[in-house]
């Protein structure tokens, strides 16, 4: 067994931000489809601009959340120990 003692906050933030941006695109497309069915873009305005805006909001939120989560993990792992993982030599 190996123990994950520390997570790099910036690294976690980047990964979380990119994953969240993908979810933002998916959510934006779904929102655009429903808004198109209703005959107008969500909250009025251009649906493409809203798609980009929603993607950026998700990405920024994911980045900030990833940094905070990694920093909290590092703090708590220092008190109680890190997550134990089993690795296989492939």
PDB file of N, CA and C in Angstrom:
ATOM      1  N   UNK A   1       0.838  -1.193   0.000  1.00  0.00           N
ATOM      2  CA  UNK A   1       0.000   0.000   0.000  1.00  0.00           C
ATOM      3  C   UNK A   1       0.871   1.241   0.000  1.00  0.00           C
ATOM      4  N   UNK A   2       0.435   2.206  -0.736  1.00  0.00           N
ATOM      5  CA  UNK A   2       1.080   3.518  -0.774  1.00  0.00           C
ATOM      6  C   UNK A   2       0.124   4.527  -0.162  1.00  0.00           C
ATOM      7  N   UNK A   3       0.669   5.627   0.307  1.00  0.00           N
ATOM      8  CA  UNK A   3      -0.164   6.656   0.923  1.00  0.00           C
ATOM      9  C   UNK A   3      -0.024   7.964   0.155  1.00  0.00           C
ATOM     10  N   UNK A   4      -1.157   8.553  -0.204  1.00  0.00           N
ATOM     11  CA  UNK A   4      -1.186   9.848  -0.876  1.00  0.00           C
ATOM     12  C   UNK A   4      -1.118  10.914   0.210  1.00  0.00           C
ATOM     13  N   UNK A   5       0.056  11.499   0.379  1.00  0.00           N
ATOM     14  CA  UNK A   5       0.267  12.443   1.470  1.00  0.00           C
ATOM     15  C   UNK A   5      -0.089  13.874   1.096  1.00  0.00           C
ATOM     16  N   UNK A   6       0.099  14.236  -0.165  1.00  0.00           N
ATOM     17  CA  UNK A   6      -0.115  15.623  -0.560  1.00  0.00           C
ATOM     18  C   UNK A   6      -0.598  15.695  -2.002  1.00  0.00           C
ATOM     19  N   UNK A   7      -1.486  16.650  -2.254  1.00  0.00           N
ATOM     20  CA  UNK A   7      -1.967  16.939  -3.604  1.00  0.00           C
ATOM     21  C   UNK A   7      -1.564  18.370  -3.921  1.00  0.00           C
ATOM     22  N   UNK A   8      -0.947  18.571  -5.073  1.00  0.00           N
ATOM     23  CA  UNK A   8      -0.582  19.928  -5.494  1.00  0.00           C
ATOM     24  C   UNK A   8      -1.843  20.732  -5.796  1.00  0.00           C
ATOM     25  N   UNK A   9      -2.115  21.797  -5.036  1.00  0.00           N
ATOM     26  CA  UNK A   9      -3.352  22.560  -5.240  1.00  0.00           C
ATOM     27  C   UNK A   9      -3.522  23.112  -6.655  1.00  0.00           C
ATOM     28  N   UNK A  10      -2.463  23.635  -7.247  1.00  0.00           N
ATOM     29  CA  UNK A  10      -2.596  24.186  -8.603  1.00  0.00           C
ATOM     30  C   UNK A  10      -2.860  23.082  -9.624  1.00  0.00           C
ATOM     31  N   UNK A  11      -2.219  21.937  -9.434  1.00  0.00           N
ATOM     32  CA  UNK A  11      -2.443  20.804 -10.325  1.00  0.00           C
ATOM     33  C   UNK A  11      -3.890  20.331 -10.222  1.00  0.00           C
ATOM     34  N   UNK A  12      -4.379  20.191  -9.001  1.00  0.00           N
ATOM     35  CA  UNK A  12      -5.763  19.773  -8.793  1.00  0.00           C
ATOM     36  C   UNK A  12      -6.730  20.812  -9.355  1.00  0.00           C
ATOM     37  N   UNK A  13      -6.392  22.086  -9.191  1.00  0.00           N
ATOM     38  CA  UNK A  13      -7.240  23.151  -9.720  1.00  0.00           C
ATOM     39  C   UNK A  13      -7.346  23.109 -11.233  1.00  0.00           C
ATOM     40  N   UNK A  14      -6.212  22.863 -11.913  1.00  0.00           N
ATOM     41  CA  UNK A  14      -6.230  22.799 -13.374  1.00  0.00           C
ATOM     42  C   UNK A  14      -7.074  21.624 -13.867  1.00  0.00           C
ATOM     43  N   UNK A  15      -6.869  20.463 -13.271  1.00  0.00           N
ATOM     44  CA  UNK A  15      -7.636  19.278 -13.676  1.00  0.00           C
ATOM     45  C   UNK A  15      -9.124  19.498 -13.415  1.00  0.00           C
ATOM     46  N   UNK A  16      -9.446  19.978 -12.235  1.00  0.00           N
ATOM     47  CA  UNK A  16     -10.846  20.213 -11.876  1.00  0.00           C
ATOM     48  C   UNK A  16     -11.474  21.280 -12.768  1.00  0.00           C
ATOM     49  N   UNK A  17     -10.706  22.312 -13.106  1.00  0.00           N
ATOM     50  CA  UNK A  17     -11.219  23.366 -13.975  1.00  0.00           C
ATOM     51  C   UNK A  17     -11.543  22.863 -15.368  1.00  0.00           C
ATOM     52  N   UNK A  18     -10.677  22.029 -15.931  1.00  0.00           N
ATOM     53  CA  UNK A  18     -10.916  21.491 -17.274  1.00  0.00           C
ATOM     54  C   UNK A  18     -12.125  20.553 -17.271  1.00  0.00           C
ATOM     55  N   UNK A  19     -12.194  19.681 -16.277  1.00  0.00           N
ATOM     56  CA  UNK A  19     -13.343  18.763 -16.192  1.00  0.00           C
ATOM     57  C   UNK A  19     -14.634  19.548 -16.016  1.00  0.00           C
ATOM     58  N   UNK A  20     -14.609  20.563 -15.166  1.00  0.00           N
ATOM     59  CA  UNK A  20     -15.801  21.381 -14.950  1.00  0.00           C
ATOM     60  C   UNK A  20     -16.188  22.151 -16.210  1.00  0.00           C
ATOM     61  N   UNK A  21     -15.201  22.602 -16.985  1.00  0.00           N
ATOM     62  CA  UNK A  21     -15.497  23.298 -18.240  1.00  0.00           C
ATOM     63  C   UNK A  21     -16.230  22.379 -19.208  1.00  0.00           C
ATOM     64  N   UNK A  22     -15.833  21.112 -19.256  1.00  0.00           N
ATOM     65  CA  UNK A  22     -16.527  20.146 -20.118  1.00  0.00           C
ATOM     66  C   UNK A  22     -17.979  20.015 -19.672  1.00  0.00           C
ATOM     67  N   UNK A  23     -18.191  19.918 -18.361  1.00  0.00           N
ATOM     68  CA  UNK A  23     -19.565  19.857 -17.860  1.00  0.00           C
ATOM     69  C   UNK A  23     -20.314  21.154 -18.158  1.00  0.00           C
ATOM     70  N   UNK A  24     -19.615  22.288 -18.156  1.00  0.00           N
ATOM     71  CA  UNK A  24     -20.233  23.564 -18.491  1.00  0.00           C
ATOM     72  C   UNK A  24     -20.705  23.603 -19.935  1.00  0.00           C
ATOM     73  N   UNK A  25     -19.906  23.033 -20.838  1.00  0.00           N
ATOM     74  CA  UNK A  25     -20.315  22.970 -22.251  1.00  0.00           C
ATOM     75  C   UNK A  25     -21.554  22.096 -22.385  1.00  0.00           C
ATOM     76  N   UNK A  26     -21.543  20.942 -21.716  1.00  0.00           N
ATOM     77  CA  UNK A  26     -22.698  20.038 -21.782  1.00  0.00           C
ATOM     78  C   UNK A  26     -23.944  20.717 -21.228  1.00  0.00           C
ATOM     79  N   UNK A  27     -23.809  21.355 -20.065  1.00  0.00           N
ATOM     80  CA  UNK A  27     -24.949  22.052 -19.459  1.00  0.00           C
ATOM     81  C   UNK A  27     -25.419  23.192 -20.356  1.00  0.00           C
ATOM     82  N   UNK A  28     -24.471  23.909 -20.962  1.00  0.00           N
ATOM     83  CA  UNK A  28     -24.830  25.019 -21.850  1.00  0.00           C
ATOM     84  C   UNK A  28     -25.562  24.552 -23.086  1.00  0.00           C
ATOM     85  N   UNK A  29     -25.132  23.425 -23.649  1.00  0.00           N
ATOM     86  CA  UNK A  29     -25.818  22.889 -24.830  1.00  0.00           C
ATOM     87  C   UNK A  29     -27.233  22.434 -24.489  1.00  0.00           C
ATOM     88  N   UNK A  30     -27.379  21.779 -23.357  1.00  0.00           N
ATOM     89  CA  UNK A  30     -28.716  21.352 -22.925  1.00  0.00           C
ATOM     90  C   UNK A  30     -29.605  22.574 -22.702  1.00  0.00           C
ATOM     91  N   UNK A  31     -29.047  23.584 -22.049  1.00  0.00           N
ATOM     92  CA  UNK A  31     -29.796  24.812 -21.806  1.00  0.00           C
ATOM     93  C   UNK A  31     -30.181  25.491 -23.117  1.00  0.00           C
ATOM     94  N   UNK A  32     -29.253  25.499 -24.080  1.00  0.00           N
ATOM     95  CA  UNK A  32     -29.538  26.110 -25.378  1.00  0.00           C
ATOM     96  C   UNK A  32     -30.643  25.349 -26.117  1.00  0.00           C
ATOM     97  N   UNK A  33     -30.627  24.020 -26.003  1.00  0.00           N
ATOM     98  CA  UNK A  33     -31.672  23.224 -26.650  1.00  0.00           C
ATOM     99  C   UNK A  33     -33.048  23.520 -26.061  1.00  0.00           C
ATOM    100  N   UNK A  34     -33.119  23.571 -24.722  1.00  0.00           N
ATOM    101  CA  UNK A  34     -34.403  23.866 -24.092  1.00  0.00           C
ATOM    102  C   UNK A  34     -34.848  25.285 -24.385  1.00  0.00           C
ATOM    103  N   UNK A  35     -33.911  26.221 -24.380  1.00  0.00           N
ATOM    104  CA  UNK A  35     -34.256  27.607 -24.673  1.00  0.00           C
ATOM    105  C   UNK A  35     -34.710  27.742 -26.122  1.00  0.00           C
ATOM    106  N   UNK A  36     -34.062  26.994 -27.028  1.00  0.00           N
ATOM    107  CA  UNK A  36     -34.477  27.026 -28.431  1.00  0.00           C
ATOM    108  C   UNK A  36     -35.880  26.478 -28.603  1.00  0.00           C
ATOM    109  N   UNK A  37     -36.225  25.460 -27.828  1.00  0.00           N
ATOM    110  CA  UNK A  37     -37.564  24.887 -27.898  1.00  0.00           C
ATOM    111  C   UNK A  37     -38.600  25.887 -27.401  1.00  0.00           C
ATOM    112  N   UNK A  38     -38.206  26.757 -26.492  1.00  0.00           N
ATOM    113  CA  UNK A  38     -39.122  27.763 -25.971  1.00  0.00           C
ATOM    114  C   UNK A  38     -39.183  29.000 -26.866  1.00  0.00           C
ATOM    115  N   UNK A  39     -38.290  29.073 -27.843  1.00  0.00           N
ATOM    116  CA  UNK A  39     -38.350  30.163 -28.804  1.00  0.00           C
ATOM    117  C   UNK A  39     -37.431  31.329 -28.526  1.00  0.00           C
ATOM    118  N   UNK A  40     -36.696  31.305 -27.395  1.00  0.00           N
ATOM    119  CA  UNK A  40     -35.761  32.394 -27.122  1.00  0.00           C
ATOM    120  C   UNK A  40     -34.603  31.877 -26.276  1.00  0.00           C
ATOM    121  N   UNK A  41     -33.457  32.482 -26.416  1.00  0.00           N
ATOM    122  CA  UNK A  41     -32.308  32.067 -25.603  1.00  0.00           C
ATOM    123  C   UNK A  41     -32.560  32.293 -24.115  1.00  0.00           C
ATOM    124  N   UNK A  42     -31.855  31.541 -23.307  1.00  0.00           N
ATOM    125  CA  UNK A  42     -31.988  31.639 -21.853  1.00  0.00           C
ATOM    126  C   UNK A  42     -31.765  33.080 -21.394  1.00  0.00           C
ATOM    127  N   UNK A  43     -32.684  33.621 -20.690  1.00  0.00           N
ATOM    128  CA  UNK A  43     -32.639  34.988 -20.182  1.00  0.00           C
ATOM    129  C   UNK A  43     -32.471  36.028 -21.281  1.00  0.00           C
ATOM    130  N   UNK A  44     -32.918  35.695 -22.488  1.00  0.00           N
ATOM    131  CA  UNK A  44     -32.751  36.613 -23.607  1.00  0.00           C
ATOM    132  C   UNK A  44     -31.296  36.669 -24.049  1.00  0.00           C
ATOM    133  N   UNK A  45     -31.012  37.316 -25.139  1.00  0.00           N
ATOM    134  CA  UNK A  45     -29.633  37.466 -25.585  1.00  0.00           C
ATOM    135  C   UNK A  45     -29.187  36.354 -26.501  1.00  0.00           C
ATOM    136  N   UNK A  46     -27.891  36.295 -26.776  1.00  0.00           N
ATOM    137  CA  UNK A  46     -27.296  35.368 -27.716  1.00  0.00           C
ATOM    138  C   UNK A  46     -26.955  34.054 -27.017  1.00  0.00           C
ATOM    139  N   UNK A  47     -27.443  32.933 -27.529  1.00  0.00           N
ATOM    140  CA  UNK A  47     -27.213  31.641 -26.871  1.00  0.00           C
ATOM    141  C   UNK A  47     -25.742  31.238 -26.912  1.00  0.00           C
ATOM    142  N   UNK A  48     -25.002  31.637 -27.974  1.00  0.00           N
ATOM    143  CA  UNK A  48     -23.588  31.278 -28.076  1.00  0.00           C
ATOM    144  C   UNK A  48     -22.775  31.984 -26.991  1.00  0.00           C
ATOM    145  N   UNK A  49     -23.060  33.242 -26.769  1.00  0.00           N
ATOM    146  CA  UNK A  49     -22.371  34.006 -25.719  1.00  0.00           C
ATOM    147  C   UNK A  49     -22.690  33.398 -24.356  1.00  0.00           C
ATOM    148  N   UNK A  50     -23.922  32.979 -24.170  1.00  0.00           N
ATOM    149  CA  UNK A  50     -24.303  32.357 -22.903  1.00  0.00           C
ATOM    150  C   UNK A  50     -23.618  31.008 -22.719  1.00  0.00           C
ATOM    151  N   UNK A  51     -23.445  30.261 -23.793  1.00  0.00           N
ATOM    152  CA  UNK A  51     -22.739  28.978 -23.725  1.00  0.00           C
ATOM    153  C   UNK A  51     -21.297  29.200 -23.289  1.00  0.00           C
ATOM    154  N   UNK A  52     -20.635  30.190 -23.881  1.00  0.00           N
ATOM    155  CA  UNK A  52     -19.256  30.508 -23.509  1.00  0.00           C
ATOM    156  C   UNK A  52     -19.206  30.998 -22.058  1.00  0.00           C
ATOM    157  N   UNK A  53     -20.152  31.839 -21.683  1.00  0.00           N
ATOM    158  CA  UNK A  53     -20.200  32.348 -20.312  1.00  0.00           C
ATOM    159  C   UNK A  53     -20.404  31.236 -19.292  1.00  0.00           C
ATOM    160  N   UNK A  54     -21.317  30.324 -19.577  1.00  0.00           N
ATOM    161  CA  UNK A  54     -21.567  29.213 -18.663  1.00  0.00           C
ATOM    162  C   UNK A  54     -20.344  28.312 -18.559  1.00  0.00           C
ATOM    163  N   UNK A  55     -19.671  28.082 -19.676  1.00  0.00           N
ATOM    164  CA  UNK A  55     -18.445  27.277 -19.667  1.00  0.00           C
ATOM    165  C   UNK A  55     -17.377  27.938 -18.800  1.00  0.00           C
ATOM    166  N   UNK A  56     -17.204  29.244 -18.942  1.00  0.00           N
ATOM    167  CA  UNK A  56     -16.210  29.956 -18.132  1.00  0.00           C
ATOM    168  C   UNK A  56     -16.559  29.939 -16.653  1.00  0.00           C
ATOM    169  N   UNK A  57     -17.833  30.108 -16.341  1.00  0.00           N
ATOM    170  CA  UNK A  57     -18.256  30.065 -14.935  1.00  0.00           C
ATOM    171  C   UNK A  57     -17.966  28.698 -14.336  1.00  0.00           C
ATOM    172  N   UNK A  58     -18.306  27.639 -15.046  1.00  0.00           N
ATOM    173  CA  UNK A  58     -18.020  26.289 -14.572  1.00  0.00           C
ATOM    174  C   UNK A  58     -16.519  26.075 -14.412  1.00  0.00           C
ATOM    175  N   UNK A  59     -15.723  26.526 -15.395  1.00  0.00           N
ATOM    176  CA  UNK A  59     -14.271  26.325 -15.355  1.00  0.00           C
ATOM    177  C   UNK A  59     -13.644  27.056 -14.171  1.00  0.00           C
ATOM    178  N   UNK A  60     -14.032  28.295 -13.968  1.00  0.00           N
ATOM    179  CA  UNK A  60     -13.479  29.073 -12.858  1.00  0.00           C
ATOM    180  C   UNK A  60     -13.899  28.471 -11.526  1.00  0.00           C
ATOM    181  N   UNK A  61     -15.168  28.119 -11.418  1.00  0.00           N
ATOM    182  CA  UNK A  61     -15.647  27.488 -10.180  1.00  0.00           C
ATOM    183  C   UNK A  61     -14.950  26.168  -9.913  1.00  0.00           C
ATOM    184  N   UNK A  62     -14.744  25.381 -10.953  1.00  0.00           N
ATOM    185  CA  UNK A  62     -14.050  24.105 -10.794  1.00  0.00           C
ATOM    186  C   UNK A  62     -12.604  24.287 -10.384  1.00  0.00           C
ATOM    187  N   UNK A  63     -11.936  25.282 -10.981  1.00  0.00           N
ATOM    188  CA  UNK A  63     -10.550  25.557 -10.629  1.00  0.00           C
ATOM    189  C   UNK A  63     -10.434  25.966  -9.162  1.00  0.00           C
ATOM    190  N   UNK A  64     -11.241  26.928  -8.759  1.00  0.00           N
ATOM    191  CA  UNK A  64     -11.205  27.410  -7.374  1.00  0.00           C
ATOM    192  C   UNK A  64     -11.559  26.280  -6.405  1.00  0.00           C
ATOM    193  N   UNK A  65     -12.590  25.517  -6.744  1.00  0.00           N
ATOM    194  CA  UNK A  65     -12.981  24.388  -5.891  1.00  0.00           C
ATOM    195  C   UNK A  65     -11.880  23.347  -5.786  1.00  0.00           C
ATOM    196  N   UNK A  66     -11.195  23.057  -6.887  1.00  0.00           N
ATOM    197  CA  UNK A  66     -10.107  22.083  -6.868  1.00  0.00           C
ATOM    198  C   UNK A  66      -8.947  22.536  -6.005  1.00  0.00           C
ATOM    199  N   UNK A  67      -8.603  23.822  -6.096  1.00  0.00           N
ATOM    200  CA  UNK A  67      -7.514  24.366  -5.278  1.00  0.00           C
ATOM    201  C   UNK A  67      -7.881  24.292  -3.797  1.00  0.00           C
ATOM    202  N   UNK A  68      -9.090  24.697  -3.464  1.00  0.00           N
ATOM    203  CA  UNK A  68      -9.531  24.668  -2.067  1.00  0.00           C
ATOM    204  C   UNK A  68      -9.580  23.235  -1.548  1.00  0.00           C
ATOM    205  N   UNK A  69     -10.136  22.317  -2.345  1.00  0.00           N
ATOM    206  CA  UNK A  69     -10.235  20.921  -1.913  1.00  0.00           C
ATOM    207  C   UNK A  69      -8.856  20.322  -1.680  1.00  0.00           C
ATOM    208  N   UNK A  70      -7.905  20.583  -2.581  1.00  0.00           N
ATOM    209  CA  UNK A  70      -6.555  20.030  -2.425  1.00  0.00           C
ATOM    210  C   UNK A  70      -5.871  20.615  -1.195  1.00  0.00           C
ATOM    211  N   UNK A  71      -6.038  21.913  -0.964  1.00  0.00           N
ATOM    212  CA  UNK A  71      -5.437  22.535   0.218  1.00  0.00           C
ATOM    213  C   UNK A  71      -6.032  21.946   1.499  1.00  0.00           C
ATOM    214  N   UNK A  72      -7.336  21.749   1.511  1.00  0.00           N
ATOM    215  CA  UNK A  72      -7.973  21.133   2.688  1.00  0.00           C
ATOM    216  C   UNK A  72      -7.532  19.683   2.866  1.00  0.00           C
ATOM    217  N   UNK A  73      -7.397  18.957   1.760  1.00  0.00           N
ATOM    218  CA  UNK A  73      -6.911  17.574   1.838  1.00  0.00           C
ATOM    219  C   UNK A  73      -5.525  17.544   2.468  1.00  0.00           C
ATOM    220  N   UNK A  74      -4.644  18.427   2.009  1.00  0.00           N
ATOM    221  CA  UNK A  74      -3.287  18.468   2.542  1.00  0.00           C
ATOM    222  C   UNK A  74      -3.285  18.762   4.040  1.00  0.00           C
ATOM    223  N   UNK A  75      -4.149  19.662   4.462  1.00  0.00           N
ATOM    224  CA  UNK A  75      -4.248  20.003   5.878  1.00  0.00           C
ATOM    225  C   UNK A  75      -4.722  18.812   6.702  1.00  0.00           C
ATOM    226  N   UNK A  76      -5.807  18.192   6.269  1.00  0.00           N
ATOM    227  CA  UNK A  76      -6.378  17.067   7.012  1.00  0.00           C
ATOM    228  C   UNK A  76      -5.477  15.837   6.937  1.00  0.00           C
ATOM    229  N   UNK A  77      -4.845  15.603   5.791  1.00  0.00           N
ATOM    230  CA  UNK A  77      -3.943  14.457   5.652  1.00  0.00           C
ATOM    231  C   UNK A  77      -2.764  14.581   6.610  1.00  0.00           C
ATOM    232  N   UNK A  78      -2.359  15.793   6.908  1.00  0.00           N
ATOM    233  CA  UNK A  78      -1.293  16.006   7.882  1.00  0.00           C
ATOM    234  C   UNK A  78      -1.709  15.596   9.284  1.00  0.00           C
ATOM    235  N   UNK A  79      -2.989  15.682   9.593  1.00  0.00           N
ATOM    236  CA  UNK A  79      -3.496  15.314  10.920  1.00  0.00           C
ATOM    237  C   UNK A  79      -3.787  13.823  11.049  1.00  0.00           C
ATOM    238  N   UNK A  80      -4.481  13.279  10.049  1.00  0.00           N
ATOM    239  CA  UNK A  80      -4.980  11.897  10.180  1.00  0.00           C
ATOM    240  C   UNK A  80      -4.319  10.923   9.219  1.00  0.00           C
ATOM    241  N   UNK A  81      -3.461  11.400   8.357  1.00  0.00           N
ATOM    242  CA  UNK A  81      -2.830  10.529   7.357  1.00  0.00           C
ATOM    243  C   UNK A  81      -3.566  10.623   6.043  1.00  0.00           C
ATOM    244  N   UNK A  82      -2.857  10.288   4.988  1.00  0.00           N
ATOM    245  CA  UNK A  82      -3.430  10.385   3.650  1.00  0.00           C
ATOM    246  C   UNK A  82      -4.233   9.169   3.258  1.00  0.00           C
ATOM    247  N   UNK A  83      -4.791   9.215   2.065  1.00  0.00           N
ATOM    248  CA  UNK A  83      -5.565   8.116   1.515  1.00  0.00           C
ATOM    249  C   UNK A  83      -4.578   7.013   1.123  1.00  0.00           C
ATOM    250  N   UNK A  84      -4.908   5.794   1.496  1.00  0.00           N
ATOM    251  CA  UNK A  84      -4.065   4.662   1.120  1.00  0.00           C
ATOM    252  C   UNK A  84      -4.546   4.104  -0.203  1.00  0.00           C
ATOM    253  N   UNK A  85      -3.603   3.918  -1.126  1.00  0.00           N
ATOM    254  CA  UNK A  85      -3.929   3.382  -2.443  1.00  0.00           C
ATOM    255  C   UNK A  85      -2.991   2.218  -2.747  1.00  0.00           C
ATOM    256  N   UNK A  86      -3.465   1.302  -3.562  1.00  0.00           N
ATOM    257  CA  UNK A  86      -2.650   0.176  -3.979  1.00  0.00           C
ATOM    258  C   UNK A  86      -2.318   0.364  -5.450  1.00  0.00           C
ATOM    259  N   UNK A  87      -1.034   0.342  -5.766  1.00  0.00           N
ATOM    260  CA  UNK A  87      -0.579   0.542  -7.131  1.00  0.00           C
ATOM    261  C   UNK A  87      -0.023  -0.751  -7.669  1.00  0.00           C
ATOM    262  N   UNK A  88      -0.194  -0.942  -8.976  1.00  0.00           N
ATOM    263  CA  UNK A  88       0.312  -2.140  -9.634  1.00  0.00           C
ATOM    264  C   UNK A  88       1.403  -1.724 -10.612  1.00  0.00           C
ATOM    265  N   UNK A  89       2.509  -2.431 -10.609  1.00  0.00           N
ATOM    266  CA  UNK A  89       3.565  -2.162 -11.576  1.00  0.00           C
ATOM    267  C   UNK A  89       3.183  -2.782 -12.909  1.00  0.00           C
ATOM    268  N   UNK A  90       2.860  -1.926 -13.866  1.00  0.00           N
ATOM    269  CA  UNK A  90       2.422  -2.435 -15.177  1.00  0.00           C
ATOM    270  C   UNK A  90       3.526  -2.324 -16.179  1.00  0.00           C
TER     271      UNK A  90
END
